[in-house]
C-alpha atoms as a PDB file:
ATOM      1  CA  MET A   1      -0.046   0.328   0.463  1.00  0.00           C
ATOM      2  CA  ASN A   2       1.025   3.458  -0.771  1.00  0.00           C
ATOM      3  CA  GLU A   3       2.588   5.142   1.895  1.00  0.00           C
ATOM      4  CA  ASN A   4       0.871   8.012   1.709  1.00  0.00           C
ATOM      5  CA  ILE A   5      -2.577   6.302   2.196  1.00  0.00           C
ATOM      6  CA  ILE A   6      -0.981   4.282   4.970  1.00  0.00           C
ATOM      7  CA  LYS A   7      -0.219   7.680   6.435  1.00  0.00           C
ATOM      8  CA  ARG A   8      -3.804   9.252   5.983  1.00  0.00           C
ATOM      9  CA  ASN A   9      -5.421   6.058   7.199  1.00  0.00           C
ATOM     10  CA  GLU A  10      -3.319   6.036  10.663  1.00  0.00           C
ATOM     11  CA  LEU A  11      -4.382   9.705  11.108  1.00  0.00           C
ATOM     12  CA  LEU A  12      -7.827   9.212  10.363  1.00  0.00           C
ATOM     13  CA  ALA A  13      -8.332   6.332  12.781  1.00  0.00           C
ATOM     14  CA  GLN A  14      -6.946   8.233  15.457  1.00  0.00           C
ATOM     15  CA  LYS A  15      -9.597  10.518  14.780  1.00  0.00           C
ATOM     16  CA  VAL A  16     -12.048   7.981  14.974  1.00  0.00           C
ATOM     17  CA  ILE A  17     -10.999   6.300  17.863  1.00  0.00           C
ATOM     18  CA  LYS A  18     -11.523   9.726  19.726  1.00  0.00           C
ATOM     19  CA  GLY A  19     -15.138   9.723  17.941  1.00  0.00           C
ATOM     20  CA  LEU A  20     -15.865   6.044  19.913  1.00  0.00           C
ATOM     21  CA  GLU A  21     -14.094   7.446  23.426  1.00  0.00           C
ATOM     22  CA  SER A  22     -16.321  10.004  23.153  1.00  0.00           C
ATOM     23  CA  ARG A  23     -18.900   7.603  22.100  1.00  0.00           C
ATOM     24  CA  ASN A  24     -18.619   5.011  25.431  1.00  0.00           C
ATOM     25  CA  MET A  25     -17.298   2.880  22.491  1.00  0.00           C
ATOM     26  CA  THR A  26     -13.127   1.546  22.157  1.00  0.00           C
ATOM     27  CA  GLY A  27     -11.638   1.903  19.297  1.00  0.00           C
ATOM     28  CA  TYR A  28      -7.793  -0.024  18.137  1.00  0.00           C
ATOM     29  CA  TYR A  29      -5.880   0.653  15.022  1.00  0.00           C
ATOM     30  CA  ALA A  30      -4.207  -2.443  13.102  1.00  0.00           C
ATOM     31  CA  ALA A  31      -1.833  -2.007  10.338  1.00  0.00           C
ATOM     32  CA  ASP A  32      -2.853  -4.846   8.696  1.00  0.00           C
ATOM     33  CA  LYS A  33      -4.852  -7.966   8.903  1.00  0.00           C
ATOM     34  CA  GLU A  34      -2.175  -9.927  10.907  1.00  0.00           C
ATOM     35  CA  GLU A  35      -2.803  -7.429  13.705  1.00  0.00           C
ATOM     36  CA  ALA A  36      -6.100  -6.802  13.466  1.00  0.00           C
ATOM     37  CA  LEU A  37      -6.377 -10.711  13.784  1.00  0.00           C
ATOM     38  CA  LYS A  38      -3.787 -10.561  17.236  1.00  0.00           C
ATOM     39  CA  LYS A  39      -6.091  -7.453  18.774  1.00  0.00           C
ATOM     40  CA  ALA A  40      -9.076  -9.385  18.187  1.00  0.00           C
ATOM     41  CA  LEU A  41      -8.040 -12.409  19.808  1.00  0.00           C
ATOM     42  CA  GLU A  42      -6.743 -10.468  22.792  1.00  0.00           C
ATOM     43  CA  LEU A  43     -10.396  -9.551  23.300  1.00  0.00           C
ATOM     44  CA  ILE A  44     -12.052 -12.944  23.382  1.00  0.00           C
ATOM     45  CA  PRO A  45     -11.181 -14.840  26.667  1.00  0.00           C
ATOM     46  CA  GLU A  46     -10.487 -18.505  26.067  1.00  0.00           C
ATOM     47  CA  GLY A  47     -13.608 -20.696  26.684  1.00  0.00           C
ATOM     48  CA  SER A  48     -15.772 -17.932  25.256  1.00  0.00           C
ATOM     49  CA  SER A  49     -19.232 -18.391  23.752  1.00  0.00           C
ATOM     50  CA  ILE A  50     -18.748 -16.654  20.466  1.00  0.00           C
ATOM     51  CA  ALA A  51     -21.484 -15.288  17.810  1.00  0.00           C
ATOM     52  CA  MET A  52     -21.511 -13.880  14.655  1.00  0.00           C
ATOM     53  CA  GLY A  53     -23.909 -12.280  11.466  1.00  0.00           C
ATOM     54  CA  GLY A  54     -22.840 -11.971   8.324  1.00  0.00           C
ATOM     55  CA  ALA A  55     -19.257 -10.336   8.944  1.00  0.00           C
ATOM     56  CA  MET A  56     -17.314 -10.603   6.072  1.00  0.00           C
ATOM     57  CA  SER A  57     -14.115  -8.624   7.007  1.00  0.00           C
ATOM     58  CA  ALA A  58     -13.741 -11.198  10.038  1.00  0.00           C
ATOM     59  CA  HIS A  59     -13.315 -14.062   7.630  1.00  0.00           C
ATOM     60  CA  GLU A  60     -10.932 -12.272   5.625  1.00  0.00           C
ATOM     61  CA  ILE A  61      -8.668 -11.926   8.582  1.00  0.00           C
ATOM     62  CA  GLY A  62      -8.738 -15.215   9.869  1.00  0.00           C
ATOM     63  CA  LEU A  63     -10.832 -14.423  12.578  1.00  0.00           C
ATOM     64  CA  VAL A  64     -13.732 -17.262  12.079  1.00  0.00           C
ATOM     65  CA  GLU A  65     -11.527 -19.988  11.430  1.00  0.00           C
ATOM     66  CA  ALA A  66      -9.371 -18.931  14.439  1.00  0.00           C
ATOM     67  CA  VAL A  67     -12.150 -19.250  16.643  1.00  0.00           C
ATOM     68  CA  LYS A  68     -14.009 -22.315  15.243  1.00  0.00           C
ATOM     69  CA  ASN A  69     -10.450 -24.185  15.733  1.00  0.00           C
ATOM     70  CA  GLY A  70      -9.696 -22.718  19.155  1.00  0.00           C
ATOM     71  CA  ASN A  71     -10.752 -23.053  22.593  1.00  0.00           C
ATOM     72  CA  TYR A  72     -13.994 -21.402  22.398  1.00  0.00           C
ATOM     73  CA  SER A  73     -17.820 -22.596  21.974  1.00  0.00           C
ATOM     74  CA  PHE A  74     -18.959 -21.102  18.526  1.00  0.00           C
ATOM     75  CA  ILE A  75     -22.381 -21.003  17.534  1.00  0.00           C
ATOM     76  CA  ASP A  76     -22.474 -21.813  13.737  1.00  0.00           C
ATOM     77  CA  ARG A  77     -25.924 -20.760  12.469  1.00  0.00           C
ATOM     78  CA  ASP A  78     -24.884 -21.848   9.509  1.00  0.00           C
ATOM     79  CA  ALA A  79     -24.299 -25.257  10.379  1.00  0.00           C
ATOM     80  CA  ALA A  80     -27.299 -25.742  12.920  1.00  0.00           C
ATOM     81  CA  ALA A  81     -30.139 -27.810  12.370  1.00  0.00           C
ATOM     82  CA  ASP A  82     -32.274 -25.589  13.856  1.00  0.00           C
ATOM     83  CA  LYS A  83     -31.219 -22.218  12.737  1.00  0.00           C
ATOM     84  CA  ARG A  84     -33.503 -20.087  14.888  1.00  0.00           C
ATOM     85  CA  ALA A  85     -32.284 -22.227  18.312  1.00  0.00           C
ATOM     86  CA  ALA A  86     -28.976 -21.221  17.202  1.00  0.00           C
ATOM     87  CA  MET A  87     -29.972 -17.576  16.636  1.00  0.00           C
ATOM     88  CA  MET A  88     -31.762 -17.581  20.091  1.00  0.00           C
ATOM     89  CA  GLU A  89     -28.748 -18.946  21.400  1.00  0.00           C
ATOM     90  CA  SER A  90     -26.516 -15.992  20.082  1.00  0.00           C
ATOM     91  CA  TYR A  91     -28.187 -13.623  21.904  1.00  0.00           C
ATOM     92  CA  ASP A  92     -26.849 -14.760  25.282  1.00  0.00           C
ATOM     93  CA  ALA A  93     -22.908 -15.239  24.123  1.00  0.00           C
ATOM     94  CA  ASP A  94     -20.410 -13.976  25.337  1.00  0.00           C
ATOM     95  CA  ILE A  95     -19.154 -12.352  22.030  1.00  0.00           C
ATOM     96  CA  PHE A  96     -20.682 -11.414  18.934  1.00  0.00           C
ATOM     97  CA  LEU A  97     -18.295 -10.817  16.099  1.00  0.00           C
ATOM     98  CA  ALA A  98     -19.561  -8.058  12.904  1.00  0.00           C
ATOM     99  CA  SER A  99     -18.630  -5.619  10.875  1.00  0.00           C
ATOM    100  CA  THR A 100     -20.280  -2.644   9.697  1.00  0.00           C
ATOM    101  CA  ASN A 101     -21.945  -1.642   6.690  1.00  0.00           C
ATOM    102  CA  ALA A 102     -20.315   1.716   7.481  1.00  0.00           C
ATOM    103  CA  MET A 103     -19.498   4.338   9.737  1.00  0.00           C
ATOM    104  CA  THR A 104     -18.337   7.957  10.448  1.00  0.00           C
ATOM    105  CA  GLU A 105     -15.109   9.886  11.209  1.00  0.00           C
ATOM    106  CA  ASP A 106     -16.751  10.853  15.031  1.00  0.00           C
ATOM    107  CA  GLY A 107     -17.316   7.200  15.910  1.00  0.00           C
ATOM    108  CA  VAL A 108     -21.329   6.564  15.054  1.00  0.00           C
ATOM    109  CA  LEU A 109     -21.830   3.015  13.239  1.00  0.00           C
ATOM    110  CA  ILE A 110     -24.415   2.202  10.440  1.00  0.00           C
ATOM    111  CA  ASN A 111     -25.919  -1.236   9.655  1.00  0.00           C
ATOM    112  CA  ILE A 112     -28.880  -2.352   7.258  1.00  0.00           C
ATOM    113  CA  ASP A 113     -30.257  -5.608   8.145  1.00  0.00           C
ATOM    114  CA  GLY A 114     -32.717  -8.147   6.343  1.00  0.00           C
ATOM    115  CA  ASN A 115     -33.905 -10.764   9.006  1.00  0.00           C
ATOM    116  CA  SER A 116     -32.177  -8.449  11.841  1.00  0.00           C
ATOM    117  CA  ASN A 117     -30.866 -10.680  13.938  1.00  0.00           C
ATOM    118  CA  ARG A 118     -27.324  -8.757  13.348  1.00  0.00           C
ATOM    119  CA  VAL A 119     -28.848  -5.285  13.977  1.00  0.00           C
ATOM    120  CA  SER A 120     -30.833  -6.369  17.251  1.00  0.00           C
ATOM    121  CA  MET A 121     -27.504  -8.565  18.841  1.00  0.00           C
ATOM    122  CA  ILE A 122     -25.307  -5.432  18.183  1.00  0.00           C
ATOM    123  CA  ALA A 123     -27.727  -3.248  19.843  1.00  0.00           C
ATOM    124  CA  GLN A 124     -28.344  -5.464  22.564  1.00  0.00           C
ATOM    125  CA  GLY A 125     -27.909  -9.230  23.809  1.00  0.00           C
ATOM    126  CA  PRO A 126     -24.363 -10.493  23.397  1.00  0.00           C
ATOM    127  CA  LYS A 127     -22.244  -9.458  26.207  1.00  0.00           C
ATOM    128  CA  LYS A 128     -19.336  -8.033  23.989  1.00  0.00           C
ATOM    129  CA  VAL A 129     -19.388  -6.493  20.836  1.00  0.00           C
ATOM    130  CA  ILE A 130     -15.944  -6.900  18.181  1.00  0.00           C
ATOM    131  CA  PHE A 131     -16.360  -5.076  15.101  1.00  0.00           C
ATOM    132  CA  ILE A 132     -13.810  -6.130  12.754  1.00  0.00           C
ATOM    133  CA  VAL A 133     -14.015  -2.657  10.050  1.00  0.00           C
ATOM    134  CA  GLY A 134     -11.949  -1.709   6.980  1.00  0.00           C
ATOM    135  CA  MET A 135     -10.868   1.948   6.664  1.00  0.00           C
ATOM    136  CA  ASN A 136     -13.103   1.463   3.228  1.00  0.00           C
ATOM    137  CA  LYS A 137     -15.802   2.000   5.517  1.00  0.00           C
ATOM    138  CA  VAL A 138     -15.152   5.357   6.886  1.00  0.00           C
ATOM    139  CA  CYS A 139     -17.327   8.488   5.729  1.00  0.00           C
ATOM    140  CA  SER A 140     -17.218  11.979   6.303  1.00  0.00           C
ATOM    141  CA  ASP A 141     -20.629  11.905   8.343  1.00  0.00           C
ATOM    142  CA  VAL A 142     -23.635   9.920   8.829  1.00  0.00           C
ATOM    143  CA  ASP A 143     -25.256  11.009   5.748  1.00  0.00           C
ATOM    144  CA  ALA A 144     -22.585   9.842   3.750  1.00  0.00           C
ATOM    145  CA  ALA A 145     -22.421   6.598   6.063  1.00  0.00           C
ATOM    146  CA  MET A 146     -25.618   5.767   5.028  1.00  0.00           C
ATOM    147  CA  LYS A 147     -25.609   6.499   1.496  1.00  0.00           C
ATOM    148  CA  ARG A 148     -22.728   3.887   1.473  1.00  0.00           C
ATOM    149  CA  ALA A 149     -24.599   1.478   3.237  1.00  0.00           C
ATOM    150  CA  ARG A 150     -27.548   1.726   0.863  1.00  0.00           C
ATOM    151  CA  ASN A 151     -25.707   2.160  -2.167  1.00  0.00           C
ATOM    152  CA  VAL A 152     -22.675  -0.010  -2.069  1.00  0.00           C
ATOM    153  CA  ALA A 153     -22.925  -2.837   0.899  1.00  0.00           C
ATOM    154  CA  ALA A 154     -26.709  -3.810   0.090  1.00  0.00           C
ATOM    155  CA  PRO A 155     -26.898  -3.856  -3.658  1.00  0.00           C
ATOM    156  CA  ILE A 156     -23.131  -6.132  -3.241  1.00  0.00           C
ATOM    157  CA  ASN A 157     -24.919  -7.974  -0.117  1.00  0.00           C
ATOM    158  CA  ALA A 158     -28.299  -8.680  -2.099  1.00  0.00           C
ATOM    159  CA  GLN A 159     -26.028 -10.050  -5.319  1.00  0.00           C
ATOM    160  CA  ARG A 160     -24.083 -12.042  -3.017  1.00  0.00           C
ATOM    161  CA  PHE A 161     -27.278 -14.028  -1.274  1.00  0.00           C
ATOM    162  CA  GLY A 162     -28.856 -14.067  -4.801  1.00  0.00           C
ATOM    163  CA  LEU A 163     -31.896 -11.918  -4.282  1.00  0.00           C
ATOM    164  CA  GLN A 164     -34.587 -10.103  -6.343  1.00  0.00           C
ATOM    165  CA  THR A 165     -34.171  -6.988  -5.321  1.00  0.00           C
ATOM    166  CA  PRO A 166     -33.922  -3.691  -7.946  1.00  0.00           C
ATOM    167  CA  CYS A 167     -29.834  -2.329  -6.013  1.00  0.00           C
ATOM    168  CA  SER A 168     -29.107  -6.191  -7.267  1.00  0.00           C
ATOM    169  CA  LYS A 169     -30.196  -5.323 -11.075  1.00  0.00           C
ATOM    170  CA  THR A 170     -28.934  -1.567 -10.892  1.00  0.00           C
ATOM    171  CA  GLY A 171     -25.946  -1.501  -8.212  1.00  0.00           C
ATOM    172  CA  SER A 172     -28.309   1.232  -6.557  1.00  0.00           C
ATOM    173  CA  CYS A 173     -30.353   1.556  -4.190  1.00  0.00           C
ATOM    174  CA  PHE A 174     -34.022   2.039  -5.429  1.00  0.00           C
ATOM    175  CA  ASN A 175     -35.503   2.612  -1.527  1.00  0.00           C
ATOM    176  CA  CYS A 176     -37.656  -0.400  -2.531  1.00  0.00           C
ATOM    177  CA  LYS A 177     -40.203  -2.618  -1.117  1.00  0.00           C
ATOM    178  CA  SER A 178     -39.464  -6.025  -2.783  1.00  0.00           C
ATOM    179  CA  PRO A 179     -40.433  -8.957  -0.729  1.00  0.00           C
ATOM    180  CA  ASP A 180     -36.443  -9.768  -0.783  1.00  0.00           C
ATOM    181  CA  THR A 181     -35.005  -6.117   0.337  1.00  0.00           C
ATOM    182  CA  ILE A 182     -32.301  -6.301   2.585  1.00  0.00           C
ATOM    183  CA  CYS A 183     -32.893  -2.970   3.902  1.00  0.00           C
ATOM    184  CA  CYS A 184     -35.550  -4.091   6.223  1.00  0.00           C
ATOM    185  CA  GLN A 185     -33.896  -2.393  10.033  1.00  0.00           C
ATOM    186  CA  ILE A 186     -31.342   0.383   9.984  1.00  0.00           C
ATOM    187  CA  LEU A 187     -29.669   0.511  13.211  1.00  0.00           C
ATOM    188  CA  ILE A 188     -28.086   3.892  13.931  1.00  0.00           C
ATOM    189  CA  THR A 189     -25.295   3.045  16.770  1.00  0.00           C
ATOM    190  CA  ARG A 190     -24.581   6.887  17.956  1.00  0.00           C
ATOM    191  CA  TYR A 191     -23.549   5.538  21.912  1.00  0.00           C
ATOM    192  CA  SER A 192     -23.013   3.019  24.371  1.00  0.00           C
ATOM    193  CA  ARG A 193     -24.876   2.987  27.486  1.00  0.00           C
ATOM    194  CA  HIS A 194     -22.701   0.214  28.584  1.00  0.00           C
ATOM    195  CA  ALA A 195     -18.633   0.508  29.038  1.00  0.00           C
ATOM    196  CA  GLY A 196     -16.643  -1.951  27.745  1.00  0.00           C
ATOM    197  CA  ARG A 197     -19.142  -3.899  25.447  1.00  0.00           C
ATOM    198  CA  ILE A 198     -18.682  -2.215  22.009  1.00  0.00           C
ATOM    199  CA  HIS A 199     -14.826  -2.591  20.360  1.00  0.00           C
ATOM    200  CA  VAL A 200     -14.047  -1.312  17.189  1.00  0.00           C
ATOM    201  CA  ILE A 201     -10.868  -2.667  15.302  1.00  0.00           C
ATOM    202  CA  LEU A 202      -9.765  -0.661  12.376  1.00  0.00           C
ATOM    203  CA  VAL A 203      -7.647  -2.080  10.094  1.00  0.00           C
ATOM    204  CA  ASN A 204      -5.490  -0.378   7.071  1.00  0.00           C
ATOM    205  CA  ASP A 205      -7.178  -2.674   4.297  1.00  0.00           C
ATOM    206  CA  THR A 206     -10.220  -2.937   2.247  1.00  0.00           C
ATOM    207  CA  LEU A 207     -12.203  -5.254   4.019  1.00  0.00           C
ATOM    208  CA  GLY A 208     -15.448  -6.488   3.018  1.00  0.00           C
ATOM    209  CA  PHE A 209     -18.472  -4.277   1.416  1.00  0.00           C
END
């Protein structure tokens, strides 16, 4: 990566981290995927029960593989015979792994969901939430972050899941009411009432969608 981009990301990350701190959340900066993985595992005590949403960024840094193969109790919703039961079990997990569709330079997180299990568990449930966030997802303000979530993340995820939404065919949001819409719930996390619950690892890389 170009050294000027690295320096810019380092400086921007410090601004984001200060914004998170002002919102009772904790931020970290990782220079690369390996450092991000190390930091994430430091935040997860052995023996923890771990759940996750569809966090591609957690896969990309090797975190999902690490917790599946480590001394943890991983709640694997995708492999469960009863997916609803696994989903409900996840609400009482020690750790919830997530990414974010977009976030602002002053620490606000924006997430859009179809089934809404992901946004509901970010809001309440698991004891600790760990976000893995590539610097590509940091936006100037809430309006820009919302536009990114709806016009970048949502169309790509709709295509990934093979959904028949207007955005999957055009690549941009139509504010649709399609039966397949994945924009059912929009969560704006602007503050955490519970200190030590939300942790955001900012990674100097392009991760997720």
